[in-house]
Protein backbone atom coordinates (compact mmCIF):
# COMPACT_ATOMS: atom_id res chain seq x y z
CA UNK A 1 -83.00 92.70 51.47
CA UNK A 2 -82.65 88.99 50.70
CA UNK A 3 -84.74 85.83 50.64
CA UNK A 4 -84.06 84.04 53.94
CA UNK A 5 -84.46 80.38 52.99
CA UNK A 6 -85.86 77.91 50.49
CA UNK A 7 -85.38 77.60 46.75
CA UNK A 8 -84.49 81.30 46.34
CA UNK A 9 -82.35 81.52 49.49
CA UNK A 10 -79.89 84.39 49.45
CA UNK A 11 -81.32 86.07 46.35
CA UNK A 12 -81.20 89.83 46.63
CA UNK A 13 -84.53 91.59 46.17
CA UNK A 14 -84.86 94.93 44.48
CA UNK A 15 -86.13 97.77 46.64
CA UNK A 16 -87.67 101.09 45.56
CA UNK A 17 -85.51 104.15 45.05
CA UNK A 18 -87.99 106.36 46.91
CA UNK A 19 -89.92 106.14 50.19
CA UNK A 20 -93.27 105.35 48.54
CA UNK A 21 -92.91 101.67 49.52
CA UNK A 22 -92.00 100.60 53.07
CA UNK A 23 -90.45 97.12 52.90
CA UNK A 24 -90.79 94.86 55.93
CA UNK A 25 -87.54 94.82 57.91
CA UNK A 26 -85.59 91.56 57.54
CA UNK A 27 -85.77 90.89 61.28
CA UNK A 28 -89.58 91.25 61.22
CA UNK A 29 -89.85 89.09 58.08
CA UNK A 30 -87.81 86.39 59.81
CA UNK A 31 -90.08 86.60 62.86
CA UNK A 32 -93.21 86.34 60.66
CA UNK A 33 -91.90 83.18 59.02
CA UNK A 34 -90.98 81.71 62.40
CA UNK A 35 -94.64 82.19 63.36
CA UNK A 36 -96.00 80.48 60.21
CA UNK A 37 -93.11 78.10 59.50
CA UNK A 38 -95.30 74.98 59.43
CA UNK A 39 -98.17 76.69 57.58
CA UNK A 40 -96.51 77.70 54.31
CA UNK A 41 -95.71 74.61 52.26
CA UNK A 42 -98.41 73.77 49.73
CA UNK A 43 -100.51 76.81 50.67
CA UNK A 44 -102.18 79.49 48.55
CA UNK A 45 -100.82 82.91 49.52
CA UNK A 46 -102.14 86.44 49.06
CA UNK A 47 -99.60 89.25 49.49
CA UNK A 48 -101.92 92.25 49.77
CA UNK A 49 -100.20 95.66 49.54
CA UNK A 50 -97.27 93.69 48.13
CA UNK A 51 -94.72 96.51 47.88
CA UNK A 52 -91.55 94.66 46.88
CA UNK A 53 -93.28 91.28 47.15
CA UNK A 54 -90.82 90.01 49.72
CA UNK A 55 -93.38 88.25 51.97
CA UNK A 56 -95.04 86.36 49.13
CA UNK A 57 -91.68 85.59 47.53
CA UNK A 58 -90.39 84.21 50.83
CA UNK A 59 -93.51 82.03 51.05
CA UNK A 60 -93.01 80.73 47.48
CA UNK A 61 -89.35 80.07 48.21
CA UNK A 62 -90.45 78.00 51.22
CA UNK A 63 -92.80 75.85 49.16
CA UNK A 64 -96.11 77.70 48.95
CA UNK A 65 -98.20 76.23 46.12
CA UNK A 66 -99.09 79.62 44.63
CA UNK A 67 -99.15 83.32 45.36
CA UNK A 68 -101.08 86.37 44.24
CA UNK A 69 -99.46 89.77 44.70
CA UNK A 70 -101.66 92.86 44.79
CA UNK A 71 -100.58 96.50 44.89
CA UNK A 72 -102.19 99.61 43.46
CA UNK A 73 -98.83 101.28 42.76
CA UNK A 74 -97.42 100.75 39.26
CA UNK A 75 -93.81 100.96 40.49
CA UNK A 76 -94.49 98.34 43.19
CA UNK A 77 -96.00 95.95 40.63
CA UNK A 78 -92.92 96.41 38.43
CA UNK A 79 -90.59 95.67 41.37
CA UNK A 80 -92.58 92.56 42.36
CA UNK A 81 -92.32 91.20 38.81
CA UNK A 82 -88.56 91.90 38.70
CA UNK A 83 -88.06 90.22 42.08
CA UNK A 84 -90.03 87.15 40.99
CA UNK A 85 -87.89 86.87 37.84
CA UNK A 86 -84.68 87.28 39.87
CA UNK A 87 -85.81 84.45 42.16
CA UNK A 88 -87.00 82.29 39.23
CA UNK A 89 -90.49 82.10 40.73
CA UNK A 90 -93.89 82.42 39.07
CA UNK A 91 -97.00 84.06 40.48
CA UNK A 92 -99.95 86.26 39.61
CA UNK A 93 -99.26 89.98 40.02
CA UNK A 94 -102.15 92.44 39.91
CA UNK A 95 -102.17 96.21 39.90
CA UNK A 96 -105.42 97.04 41.67
CA UNK A 97 -106.89 98.37 44.88
CA UNK A 98 -106.88 95.90 47.77
CA UNK A 99 -110.63 96.04 48.41
CA UNK A 100 -111.31 95.44 44.72
CA UNK A 101 -108.92 92.47 44.68
CA UNK A 102 -110.68 90.98 47.70
CA UNK A 103 -113.92 90.93 45.71
CA UNK A 104 -112.55 88.26 43.37
CA UNK A 105 -113.89 84.73 43.76
CA UNK A 106 -110.85 82.98 45.25
CA UNK A 107 -109.71 81.79 48.67
CA UNK A 108 -106.30 81.76 50.29
CA UNK A 109 -104.64 79.82 53.10
CA UNK A 110 -102.25 82.59 54.13
CA UNK A 111 -102.84 86.33 53.71
CA UNK A 112 -100.26 89.02 54.40
CA UNK A 113 -101.65 92.51 55.11
CA UNK A 114 -99.18 95.39 55.29
CA UNK A 115 -100.76 98.60 53.94
CA UNK A 116 -99.31 102.08 54.33
CA UNK A 117 -99.60 102.69 58.07
CA UNK A 118 -101.70 105.86 57.92
CA UNK A 119 -104.08 104.75 55.15
CA UNK A 120 -106.84 103.56 57.51
CA UNK A 121 -107.17 100.27 55.64
CA UNK A 122 -106.72 97.60 58.31
CA UNK A 123 -110.32 97.42 59.53
CA UNK A 124 -111.97 97.70 56.07
CA UNK A 125 -109.65 95.02 54.67
CA UNK A 126 -110.16 92.62 57.58
CA UNK A 127 -113.93 93.13 57.44
CA UNK A 128 -113.95 92.51 53.68
CA UNK A 129 -111.91 89.31 54.08
CA UNK A 130 -114.48 88.06 56.56
CA UNK A 131 -117.55 89.21 54.63
CA UNK A 132 -116.49 87.56 51.35
CA UNK A 133 -114.97 84.55 53.14
CA UNK A 134 -111.55 85.03 51.56
CA UNK A 135 -109.65 82.83 54.02
CA UNK A 136 -109.82 79.03 53.84
CA UNK A 137 -110.69 76.95 56.89
CA UNK A 138 -107.60 76.79 59.12
CA UNK A 139 -106.13 79.75 57.24
CA UNK A 140 -103.96 82.51 58.71
CA UNK A 141 -103.89 86.29 58.30
CA UNK A 142 -100.72 88.17 59.25
CA UNK A 143 -101.03 91.95 59.78
CA UNK A 144 -98.02 94.21 60.18
CA UNK A 145 -98.78 97.50 61.95
CA UNK A 146 -97.20 100.12 64.14
CA UNK A 147 -96.77 98.86 67.69
CA UNK A 148 -99.69 100.92 69.04
CA UNK A 149 -102.17 100.35 66.16
CA UNK A 150 -105.42 98.83 67.45
CA UNK A 151 -106.89 96.10 65.28
CA UNK A 152 -110.46 94.82 65.43
CA UNK A 153 -111.60 91.51 66.80
CA UNK A 154 -113.45 89.44 64.20
CA UNK A 155 -116.47 87.24 64.86
CA UNK A 156 -116.28 83.45 64.67
CA UNK A 157 -115.07 81.53 62.83
CA UNK A 158 -112.40 84.26 62.50
CA UNK A 159 -110.43 85.23 65.55
CA UNK A 160 -107.47 87.31 66.64
CA UNK A 161 -105.01 84.78 68.04
CA UNK A 162 -101.83 86.52 69.10
CA UNK A 163 -99.84 89.73 68.87
CA UNK A 164 -96.06 89.94 68.71
CA UNK A 165 -94.03 93.10 69.18
CA UNK A 166 -90.70 93.79 67.50
CA UNK A 167 -89.46 97.26 68.39
CA UNK A 168 -91.85 99.74 66.74
CA UNK A 169 -93.66 96.99 64.80
CA UNK A 170 -96.54 94.71 65.82
CA UNK A 171 -97.49 91.49 64.07
CA UNK A 172 -101.08 90.35 64.65
CA UNK A 173 -102.18 86.84 63.75
CA UNK A 174 -105.78 86.02 62.87
CA UNK A 175 -107.05 82.53 62.01
CA UNK A 176 -110.21 80.99 60.65
CA UNK A 177 -111.25 77.97 62.67
CA UNK A 178 -113.09 74.88 61.51
CA UNK A 179 -116.87 75.07 61.81
CA UNK A 180 -117.11 71.42 62.95
C-alpha cells in the first residue's frame, strides 16, 4: 500500500498484522481520488474510521490544508501516527468513537466514512453529520461500503449524488449544497 501522488508520492504505508483493520484497496483509493481530484487542495479533511489513515494521508499529500483522523482502535491510531511520520505529514489523530468525535465543534470540507462493514454505523454516522452540521457548504462525504449496502438519502441541503461500483465495493458520494 503506497501513497499515489503528491508530496508523499510512493511512500509505503504500514498495514496491520491482523485482520482487525480492512484497508481500502489501492484501486478503490485511486478511484475515490479521481472522483474528488479537484476538491482536495486547501480543504479540511476528516478520515473517520481511519484504519491505516491512507485516505486522509492521500488527501494531505495532494494538498489538503488539514486532516483529522479518528479511530477507536488503539492499534489503528498507532499505525496512523507511524504512517504520518513516514510521509512527513502532520495531522490530528484521535482515539475515540466516531459518533463522539462528530459531536466536536468543527466542520470539514471532505469526510471519508469507511467503518467495519457489519457494524451498522453508516446511517447513524450520516444522520449525526447532518444533525450537527459537520460538513461545510459545498462539502463532500465519501462512503465506502459493500456493493449491496443500502445507504439513506439525506434531506436538503445534503444529498446523495452518485454511486460508483468497483467489484465488491461501492463508493457513495454525498454533498452539501449552498442554501442560496
